[in-house]
Amino acid sequence: MRKLVSAGLGLVALATLPALAGPQGTPPNTLTAAERAQGWQLLFNGRDLSGWQAFGGGPAPASWLVRDGTLVMTKNDGQMSGTDLVTADSYGAFELTLDWKVEAGGNSGVFYLARKAPGTTNIYETGIEMQVLDDAGHPDGKIPSHRAGALYDMTVPPPGAARPAGTWNHARLRVEPDRIRQWLNGTPTADVAFGNAEWRKRVAASKFADMPLFATFSSGVIGLQDHGDPVEFRNIKIRRLDAAGDAAGARAQ
């Protein structure tokens, strides 16, 4: 598989972006008054799988459950196709934050702009992925563009962006019509143009080059990957952005 030798470039510019958003010390899976005023919504209420379903429709896969206020993917040694968990609603321009924790050797991901389209089976054939990984314990940790926080197979996170397996990581991603940015634990891990010639060049140099519908949709579901390894999520929050890149009804912070 070819890798972009320049995938890590552009992260210097990211250092000037606003600090990682989100209140400190608030109860999990809740919104503050300030967050509500800024247009944030909970995607996970901490109690059940309301608003979530299997990729392509239907009830949430049996491998996903809610335990102690966290959304848990239990170990799945069987067929992984069709067992990713996705939102019932679709999102275009948006900002998303969440916490994730993976066990030793674990692998998962957060997908966005994903759709079940004719001729496709798997979520990664259309959706873009922010990598979730135990960098130290999984073989993909040896591939720079596959490390935790990467825009999978396209950008290289700075060393040390991820916390060790078994501890919580905080992820943020911001998707605008022409730009994608990602952060992990406050560290910028991706800042790329989207949908233009530069983006198409990135795709052509990645493992998605032979997937004609990859990253071609302007809106789609948010997905949590069942890669067969236990992983947990909480504090999944989203706010839609308008065409100018601001939160609907509020200025981006």
C-alpha atoms as a PDB file:
ATOM      1  CA  MET A   1       0.000   0.000   0.000  1.00  0.00           C
ATOM      2  CA  ARG A   2       1.349   3.433  -0.909  1.00  0.00           C
ATOM      3  CA  LYS A   3       1.541   6.121   1.756  1.00  0.00           C
ATOM      4  CA  LEU A   4       1.731   9.858   1.321  1.00  0.00           C
ATOM      5  CA  VAL A   5       5.181  10.932   2.422  1.00  0.00           C
ATOM      6  CA  SER A   6       3.787  14.416   2.903  1.00  0.00           C
ATOM      7  CA  ALA A   7       0.765  13.246   4.917  1.00  0.00           C
ATOM      8  CA  GLY A   8       2.039  14.873   8.094  1.00  0.00           C
ATOM      9  CA  LEU A   9       2.579  18.293   6.485  1.00  0.00           C
ATOM     10  CA  GLY A  10       0.173  21.056   7.338  1.00  0.00           C
ATOM     11  CA  LEU A  11       0.022  20.235  11.048  1.00  0.00           C
ATOM     12  CA  VAL A  12       2.076  23.313  11.888  1.00  0.00           C
ATOM     13  CA  ALA A  13      -0.790  25.444  10.651  1.00  0.00           C
ATOM     14  CA  LEU A  14      -3.168  23.474  12.840  1.00  0.00           C
ATOM     15  CA  ALA A  15      -1.430  24.730  15.966  1.00  0.00           C
ATOM     16  CA  THR A  16      -3.144  28.089  15.492  1.00  0.00           C
ATOM     17  CA  LEU A  17      -6.644  26.604  15.597  1.00  0.00           C
ATOM     18  CA  PRO A  18      -8.936  27.170  18.596  1.00  0.00           C
ATOM     19  CA  ALA A  19      -8.257  25.115  21.699  1.00  0.00           C
ATOM     20  CA  LEU A  20     -10.137  21.864  22.166  1.00  0.00           C
ATOM     21  CA  ALA A  21     -13.756  22.613  23.028  1.00  0.00           C
ATOM     22  CA  GLY A  22     -15.716  20.981  25.816  1.00  0.00           C
ATOM     23  CA  PRO A  23     -16.326  21.583  29.517  1.00  0.00           C
ATOM     24  CA  GLN A  24     -14.171  19.919  32.127  1.00  0.00           C
ATOM     25  CA  GLY A  25     -15.563  18.027  35.106  1.00  0.00           C
ATOM     26  CA  THR A  26     -19.156  17.780  33.864  1.00  0.00           C
ATOM     27  CA  PRO A  27     -21.043  14.485  34.225  1.00  0.00           C
ATOM     28  CA  PRO A  28     -20.664  12.096  31.277  1.00  0.00           C
ATOM     29  CA  ASN A  29     -23.289  12.175  28.529  1.00  0.00           C
ATOM     30  CA  THR A  30     -24.756  15.536  29.513  1.00  0.00           C
ATOM     31  CA  LEU A  31     -24.855  18.986  27.973  1.00  0.00           C
ATOM     32  CA  THR A  32     -24.183  22.232  29.789  1.00  0.00           C
ATOM     33  CA  ALA A  33     -26.331  25.293  29.220  1.00  0.00           C
ATOM     34  CA  ALA A  34     -23.457  26.819  27.255  1.00  0.00           C
ATOM     35  CA  GLU A  35     -23.223  23.767  24.990  1.00  0.00           C
ATOM     36  CA  ARG A  36     -26.939  23.822  24.315  1.00  0.00           C
ATOM     37  CA  ALA A  37     -26.707  27.514  23.441  1.00  0.00           C
ATOM     38  CA  GLN A  38     -23.899  26.703  21.002  1.00  0.00           C
ATOM     39  CA  GLY A  39     -26.064  24.134  19.240  1.00  0.00           C
ATOM     40  CA  TRP A  40     -24.614  20.908  20.656  1.00  0.00           C
ATOM     41  CA  GLN A  41     -26.748  17.752  20.844  1.00  0.00           C
ATOM     42  CA  LEU A  42     -26.124  14.395  22.497  1.00  0.00           C
ATOM     43  CA  LEU A  43     -25.833  11.414  20.156  1.00  0.00           C
ATOM     44  CA  PHE A  44     -25.651   8.995  23.101  1.00  0.00           C
ATOM     45  CA  ASN A  45     -27.790   9.468  26.206  1.00  0.00           C
ATOM     46  CA  GLY A  46     -25.823   7.049  28.408  1.00  0.00           C
ATOM     47  CA  ARG A  47     -28.843   4.815  28.984  1.00  0.00           C
ATOM     48  CA  ASP A  48     -29.767   3.039  25.744  1.00  0.00           C
ATOM     49  CA  LEU A  49     -29.132   2.884  21.999  1.00  0.00           C
ATOM     50  CA  SER A  50     -31.823   5.374  21.009  1.00  0.00           C
ATOM     51  CA  GLY A  51     -30.871   7.034  17.731  1.00  0.00           C
ATOM     52  CA  TRP A  52     -28.485   4.246  16.683  1.00  0.00           C
ATOM     53  CA  GLN A  53     -28.903   1.346  14.271  1.00  0.00           C
ATOM     54  CA  ALA A  54     -26.992  -1.138  12.153  1.00  0.00           C
ATOM     55  CA  PHE A  55     -25.203   0.169   9.073  1.00  0.00           C
ATOM     56  CA  GLY A  56     -27.736  -0.085   6.267  1.00  0.00           C
ATOM     57  CA  GLY A  57     -30.693  -0.034   8.662  1.00  0.00           C
ATOM     58  CA  GLY A  58     -32.294  -2.332  11.198  1.00  0.00           C
ATOM     59  CA  PRO A  59     -31.778  -2.787  14.939  1.00  0.00           C
ATOM     60  CA  ALA A  60     -28.433  -2.137  16.560  1.00  0.00           C
ATOM     61  CA  PRO A  61     -26.131  -5.168  16.215  1.00  0.00           C
ATOM     62  CA  ALA A  62     -26.028  -7.506  19.210  1.00  0.00           C
ATOM     63  CA  SER A  63     -22.324  -6.837  19.736  1.00  0.00           C
ATOM     64  CA  TRP A  64     -23.151  -3.318  20.984  1.00  0.00           C
ATOM     65  CA  LEU A  65     -24.582  -2.586  24.433  1.00  0.00           C
ATOM     66  CA  VAL A  66     -24.778   0.106  27.101  1.00  0.00           C
ATOM     67  CA  ARG A  67     -22.922  -0.512  30.355  1.00  0.00           C
ATOM     68  CA  ASP A  68     -22.343   1.963  33.199  1.00  0.00           C
ATOM     69  CA  GLY A  69     -23.008   4.981  31.004  1.00  0.00           C
ATOM     70  CA  THR A  70     -20.718   3.878  28.186  1.00  0.00           C
ATOM     71  CA  LEU A  71     -21.444   2.560  24.715  1.00  0.00           C
ATOM     72  CA  VAL A  72     -19.574  -0.735  24.532  1.00  0.00           C
ATOM     73  CA  MET A  73     -18.618  -2.946  21.612  1.00  0.00           C
ATOM     74  CA  THR A  74     -18.069  -6.388  23.097  1.00  0.00           C
ATOM     75  CA  LYS A  75     -15.560  -8.762  21.546  1.00  0.00           C
ATOM     76  CA  ASN A  76     -16.777 -10.121  18.219  1.00  0.00           C
ATOM     77  CA  ASP A  77     -14.878 -13.064  16.749  1.00  0.00           C
ATOM     78  CA  GLY A  78     -17.377 -13.647  13.959  1.00  0.00           C
ATOM     79  CA  GLN A  79     -18.366 -11.842  10.773  1.00  0.00           C
ATOM     80  CA  MET A  80     -17.751  -8.104  11.117  1.00  0.00           C
ATOM     81  CA  SER A  81     -19.503  -6.957   7.958  1.00  0.00           C
ATOM     82  CA  GLY A  82     -22.750  -5.190   8.815  1.00  0.00           C
ATOM     83  CA  THR A  83     -22.052  -4.960  12.541  1.00  0.00           C
ATOM     84  CA  ASP A  84     -20.903  -1.339  12.642  1.00  0.00           C
ATOM     85  CA  LEU A  85     -23.142   0.961  14.685  1.00  0.00           C
ATOM     86  CA  VAL A  86     -24.361   4.159  13.002  1.00  0.00           C
ATOM     87  CA  THR A  87     -26.613   7.106  13.701  1.00  0.00           C
ATOM     88  CA  ALA A  88     -30.159   7.022  12.406  1.00  0.00           C
ATOM     89  CA  ASP A  89     -29.710  10.608  11.186  1.00  0.00           C
ATOM     90  CA  SER A  90     -27.303  11.929   8.574  1.00  0.00           C
ATOM     91  CA  TYR A  91     -24.993  14.914   8.968  1.00  0.00           C
ATOM     92  CA  GLY A  92     -23.226  17.174   6.491  1.00  0.00           C
ATOM     93  CA  ALA A  93     -21.129  20.029   7.888  1.00  0.00           C
ATOM     94  CA  PHE A  94     -20.704  19.395  11.600  1.00  0.00           C
ATOM     95  CA  GLU A  95     -18.438  19.279  14.617  1.00  0.00           C
ATOM     96  CA  LEU A  96     -18.242  16.089  16.686  1.00  0.00           C
ATOM     97  CA  THR A  97     -16.597  15.320  20.009  1.00  0.00           C
ATOM     98  CA  LEU A  98     -16.426  12.035  21.905  1.00  0.00           C
ATOM     99  CA  ASP A  99     -14.357   9.979  24.324  1.00  0.00           C
ATOM    100  CA  TRP A 100     -13.058   6.525  23.433  1.00  0.00           C
ATOM    101  CA  LYS A 101     -11.181   3.798  25.264  1.00  0.00           C
ATOM    102  CA  VAL A 102      -9.779   0.643  23.679  1.00  0.00           C
ATOM    103  CA  GLU A 103      -8.347  -2.488  25.284  1.00  0.00           C
ATOM    104  CA  ALA A 104      -4.782  -3.662  24.741  1.00  0.00           C
ATOM    105  CA  GLY A 105      -4.251  -4.515  21.070  1.00  0.00           C
ATOM    106  CA  GLY A 106      -7.606  -3.032  20.099  1.00  0.00           C
ATOM    107  CA  ASN A 107      -8.696  -1.447  16.830  1.00  0.00           C
ATOM    108  CA  SER A 108     -11.825   0.560  15.973  1.00  0.00           C
ATOM    109  CA  GLY A 109     -12.747   3.812  14.282  1.00  0.00           C
ATOM    110  CA  VAL A 110     -15.177   6.694  13.940  1.00  0.00           C
ATOM    111  CA  PHE A 111     -16.678   7.039  10.447  1.00  0.00           C
ATOM    112  CA  TYR A 112     -18.427  10.035   8.938  1.00  0.00           C
ATOM    113  CA  LEU A 113     -20.058  11.050   5.639  1.00  0.00           C
ATOM    114  CA  ALA A 114     -20.874   7.346   5.237  1.00  0.00           C
ATOM    115  CA  ARG A 115     -23.783   5.850   3.292  1.00  0.00           C
ATOM    116  CA  LYS A 116     -24.970   2.414   2.296  1.00  0.00           C
ATOM    117  CA  ALA A 117     -24.810   2.900  -1.453  1.00  0.00           C
ATOM    118  CA  PRO A 118     -25.541   0.520  -4.347  1.00  0.00           C
ATOM    119  CA  GLY A 119     -22.575  -1.722  -5.014  1.00  0.00           C
ATOM    120  CA  THR A 120     -21.097  -1.276  -1.535  1.00  0.00           C
ATOM    121  CA  THR A 121     -21.134  -3.577   1.473  1.00  0.00           C
ATOM    122  CA  ASN A 122     -18.846  -2.041   4.077  1.00  0.00           C
ATOM    123  CA  ILE A 123     -18.941   1.362   5.731  1.00  0.00           C
ATOM    124  CA  TYR A 124     -15.342   2.124   4.755  1.00  0.00           C
ATOM    125  CA  GLU A 125     -16.269   1.998   1.056  1.00  0.00           C
ATOM    126  CA  THR A 126     -18.021   5.356   1.419  1.00  0.00           C
ATOM    127  CA  GLY A 127     -17.174   6.757   4.853  1.00  0.00           C
ATOM    128  CA  ILE A 128     -14.060   8.582   6.028  1.00  0.00           C
ATOM    129  CA  GLU A 129     -12.473   7.260   9.227  1.00  0.00           C
ATOM    130  CA  MET A 130     -10.811   8.769  12.261  1.00  0.00           C
ATOM    131  CA  GLN A 131      -8.685   5.938  13.600  1.00  0.00           C
ATOM    132  CA  VAL A 132      -9.174   4.433  17.075  1.00  0.00           C
ATOM    133  CA  LEU A 133      -6.243   2.217  18.032  1.00  0.00           C
ATOM    134  CA  ASP A 134      -3.913   0.931  20.706  1.00  0.00           C
ATOM    135  CA  ASP A 135      -0.803   2.250  18.962  1.00  0.00           C
ATOM    136  CA  ALA A 136       1.577   0.277  21.188  1.00  0.00           C
ATOM    137  CA  GLY A 137      -0.230  -3.043  21.042  1.00  0.00           C
ATOM    138  CA  HIS A 138      -1.751  -3.305  17.555  1.00  0.00           C
ATOM    139  CA  PRO A 139       0.282  -3.978  14.370  1.00  0.00           C
ATOM    140  CA  ASP A 140      -1.256  -0.917  12.687  1.00  0.00           C
ATOM    141  CA  GLY A 141       0.591   1.215  15.223  1.00  0.00           C
ATOM    142  CA  LYS A 142       3.707   0.592  13.141  1.00  0.00           C
ATOM    143  CA  ILE A 143       2.067   2.304  10.125  1.00  0.00           C
ATOM    144  CA  PRO A 144       2.210   6.093  10.690  1.00  0.00           C
ATOM    145  CA  SER A 145      -1.018   6.889   8.813  1.00  0.00           C
ATOM    146  CA  HIS A 146      -2.909   4.160  10.698  1.00  0.00           C
ATOM    147  CA  ARG A 147      -2.174   5.406  14.218  1.00  0.00           C
ATOM    148  CA  ALA A 148      -4.832   6.682  16.604  1.00  0.00           C
ATOM    149  CA  GLY A 149      -6.244  10.038  15.573  1.00  0.00           C
ATOM    150  CA  ALA A 150      -5.232   9.727  11.927  1.00  0.00           C
ATOM    151  CA  LEU A 151      -7.568  10.460   9.106  1.00  0.00           C
ATOM    152  CA  TYR A 152      -7.084   6.813   8.266  1.00  0.00           C
ATOM    153  CA  ASP A 153      -4.429   6.127   5.632  1.00  0.00           C
ATOM    154  CA  MET A 154      -4.164   9.828   4.764  1.00  0.00           C
ATOM    155  CA  THR A 155      -2.589  11.804   7.620  1.00  0.00           C
ATOM    156  CA  VAL A 156       0.117  11.076  10.190  1.00  0.00           C
ATOM    157  CA  PRO A 157      -0.610  12.110  13.799  1.00  0.00           C
ATOM    158  CA  PRO A 158       2.230  13.612  15.822  1.00  0.00           C
ATOM    159  CA  PRO A 159       3.960  11.100  18.135  1.00  0.00           C
ATOM    160  CA  GLY A 160       2.295  10.648  21.503  1.00  0.00           C
ATOM    161  CA  ALA A 161      -1.128  11.992  20.541  1.00  0.00           C
ATOM    162  CA  ALA A 162      -2.891   8.889  21.891  1.00  0.00           C
ATOM    163  CA  ARG A 163      -3.079   7.773  25.503  1.00  0.00           C
ATOM    164  CA  PRO A 164      -2.309   4.151  26.525  1.00  0.00           C
ATOM    165  CA  ALA A 165      -4.806   1.321  26.098  1.00  0.00           C
ATOM    166  CA  GLY A 166      -7.352   1.188  28.895  1.00  0.00           C
ATOM    167  CA  THR A 167      -7.486   4.977  29.352  1.00  0.00           C
ATOM    168  CA  TRP A 168      -9.905   7.512  27.906  1.00  0.00           C
ATOM    169  CA  ASN A 169      -8.997   9.570  24.852  1.00  0.00           C
ATOM    170  CA  HIS A 170     -10.876  12.684  23.746  1.00  0.00           C
ATOM    171  CA  ALA A 171     -11.463  13.087  20.011  1.00  0.00           C
ATOM    172  CA  ARG A 172     -12.762  16.042  18.076  1.00  0.00           C
ATOM    173  CA  LEU A 173     -13.427  16.388  14.379  1.00  0.00           C
ATOM    174  CA  ARG A 174     -14.751  19.239  12.308  1.00  0.00           C
ATOM    175  CA  VAL A 175     -16.146  18.655   8.821  1.00  0.00           C
ATOM    176  CA  GLU A 176     -16.802  21.605   6.545  1.00  0.00           C
ATOM    177  CA  PRO A 177     -17.756  21.509   2.852  1.00  0.00           C
ATOM    178  CA  ASP A 178     -14.141  22.072   1.795  1.00  0.00           C
ATOM    179  CA  ARG A 179     -12.043  21.172   4.837  1.00  0.00           C
ATOM    180  CA  ILE A 180     -11.619  18.380   7.400  1.00  0.00           C
ATOM    181  CA  ARG A 181      -9.845  18.796  10.731  1.00  0.00           C
ATOM    182  CA  GLN A 182      -9.260  16.269  13.502  1.00  0.00           C
ATOM    183  CA  TRP A 183      -7.817  16.440  17.018  1.00  0.00           C
ATOM    184  CA  LEU A 184      -6.936  13.793  19.596  1.00  0.00           C
ATOM    185  CA  ASN A 185      -6.491  14.816  23.222  1.00  0.00           C
ATOM    186  CA  GLY A 186      -6.122  18.407  22.048  1.00  0.00           C
ATOM    187  CA  THR A 187      -3.395  17.564  19.532  1.00  0.00           C
ATOM    188  CA  PRO A 188      -4.104  18.354  15.862  1.00  0.00           C
ATOM    189  CA  THR A 189      -3.927  15.148  13.807  1.00  0.00           C
ATOM    190  CA  ALA A 190      -5.395  16.198  10.449  1.00  0.00           C
ATOM    191  CA  ASP A 191      -6.053  19.377   8.476  1.00  0.00           C
ATOM    192  CA  VAL A 192      -6.839  18.664   4.843  1.00  0.00           C
ATOM    193  CA  ALA A 193      -8.717  20.215   1.968  1.00  0.00           C
ATOM    194  CA  PHE A 194     -11.794  18.196   1.062  1.00  0.00           C
ATOM    195  CA  GLY A 195     -13.417  17.537  -2.296  1.00  0.00           C
ATOM    196  CA  ASN A 196     -10.880  19.306  -4.493  1.00  0.00           C
ATOM    197  CA  ALA A 197      -7.918  18.171  -6.614  1.00  0.00           C
ATOM    198  CA  GLU A 198      -5.683  18.017  -3.549  1.00  0.00           C
ATOM    199  CA  TRP A 199      -8.159  15.699  -1.841  1.00  0.00           C
ATOM    200  CA  ARG A 200      -8.499  13.484  -4.899  1.00  0.00           C
ATOM    201  CA  LYS A 201      -4.717  13.177  -4.995  1.00  0.00           C
ATOM    202  CA  ARG A 202      -4.727  11.983  -1.378  1.00  0.00           C
ATOM    203  CA  VAL A 203      -7.387   9.411  -2.150  1.00  0.00           C
ATOM    204  CA  ALA A 204      -5.497   8.184  -5.203  1.00  0.00           C
ATOM    205  CA  ALA A 205      -2.413   7.607  -3.044  1.00  0.00           C
ATOM    206  CA  SER A 206      -4.369   5.638  -0.420  1.00  0.00           C
ATOM    207  CA  LYS A 207      -5.895   2.176  -0.064  1.00  0.00           C
ATOM    208  CA  PHE A 208      -9.236   3.707  -1.128  1.00  0.00           C
ATOM    209  CA  ALA A 209      -8.091   4.479  -4.675  1.00  0.00           C
ATOM    210  CA  ASP A 210     -10.124   1.574  -6.082  1.00  0.00           C
ATOM    211  CA  MET A 211     -13.314   2.443  -4.147  1.00  0.00           C
ATOM    212  CA  PRO A 212     -15.194   4.803  -6.489  1.00  0.00           C
ATOM    213  CA  LEU A 213     -17.747   5.992  -3.904  1.00  0.00           C
ATOM    214  CA  PHE A 214     -15.283   6.622  -1.087  1.00  0.00           C
ATOM    215  CA  ALA A 215     -15.699  10.137   0.380  1.00  0.00           C
ATOM    216  CA  THR A 216     -17.993  11.267  -2.429  1.00  0.00           C
ATOM    217  CA  PHE A 217     -21.012  12.226  -0.313  1.00  0.00           C
ATOM    218  CA  SER A 218     -21.544  15.649   1.254  1.00  0.00           C
ATOM    219  CA  SER A 219     -23.569  14.132   4.106  1.00  0.00           C
ATOM    220  CA  GLY A 220     -23.954  10.763   5.750  1.00  0.00           C
ATOM    221  CA  VAL A 221     -24.164   8.856   8.999  1.00  0.00           C
ATOM    222  CA  ILE A 222     -21.712   8.846  11.898  1.00  0.00           C
ATOM    223  CA  GLY A 223     -20.450   5.305  12.460  1.00  0.00           C
ATOM    224  CA  LEU A 224     -18.613   3.422  15.213  1.00  0.00           C
ATOM    225  CA  GLN A 225     -16.593   0.520  13.900  1.00  0.00           C
ATOM    226  CA  ASP A 226     -16.918  -3.084  14.979  1.00  0.00           C
ATOM    227  CA  HIS A 227     -13.417  -4.311  14.225  1.00  0.00           C
ATOM    228  CA  GLY A 228     -13.830  -7.347  16.481  1.00  0.00           C
ATOM    229  CA  ASP A 229     -12.058  -5.783  19.471  1.00  0.00           C
ATOM    230  CA  PRO A 230     -13.659  -4.381  22.649  1.00  0.00           C
ATOM    231  CA  VAL A 231     -13.967  -0.597  22.604  1.00  0.00           C
ATOM    232  CA  GLU A 232     -15.975   1.942  24.614  1.00  0.00           C
ATOM    233  CA  PHE A 233     -17.407   5.367  23.757  1.00  0.00           C
ATOM    234  CA  ARG A 234     -19.083   8.094  25.793  1.00  0.00           C
ATOM    235  CA  ASN A 235     -19.830  11.832  25.659  1.00  0.00           C
ATOM    236  CA  ILE A 236     -20.734  11.649  21.960  1.00  0.00           C
ATOM    237  CA  LYS A 237     -21.811  15.173  21.030  1.00  0.00           C
ATOM    238  CA  ILE A 238     -22.474  16.882  17.717  1.00  0.00           C
ATOM    239  CA  ARG A 239     -23.468  20.268  16.392  1.00  0.00           C
ATOM    240  CA  ARG A 240     -24.422  21.019  12.829  1.00  0.00           C
ATOM    241  CA  LEU A 241     -22.574  23.799  11.021  1.00  0.00           C
ATOM    242  CA  ASP A 242     -24.034  26.137   8.454  1.00  0.00           C
ATOM    243  CA  ALA A 243     -22.530  26.785   5.030  1.00  0.00           C
ATOM    244  CA  ALA A 244     -20.174  29.400   6.476  1.00  0.00           C
ATOM    245  CA  GLY A 245     -18.708  26.864   8.884  1.00  0.00           C
ATOM    246  CA  ASP A 246     -20.387  28.280  11.991  1.00  0.00           C
ATOM    247  CA  ALA A 247     -22.643  26.346  14.328  1.00  0.00           C
ATOM    248  CA  ALA A 248     -26.262  26.766  13.375  1.00  0.00           C
ATOM    249  CA  GLY A 249     -27.599  29.484  15.630  1.00  0.00           C
ATOM    250  CA  ALA A 250     -24.258  30.171  17.337  1.00  0.00           C
ATOM    251  CA  ARG A 251     -20.705  31.161  16.555  1.00  0.00           C
ATOM    252  CA  ALA A 252     -18.130  28.324  16.599  1.00  0.00           C
ATOM    253  CA  GLN A 253     -15.937  28.474  19.679  1.00  0.00           C
END
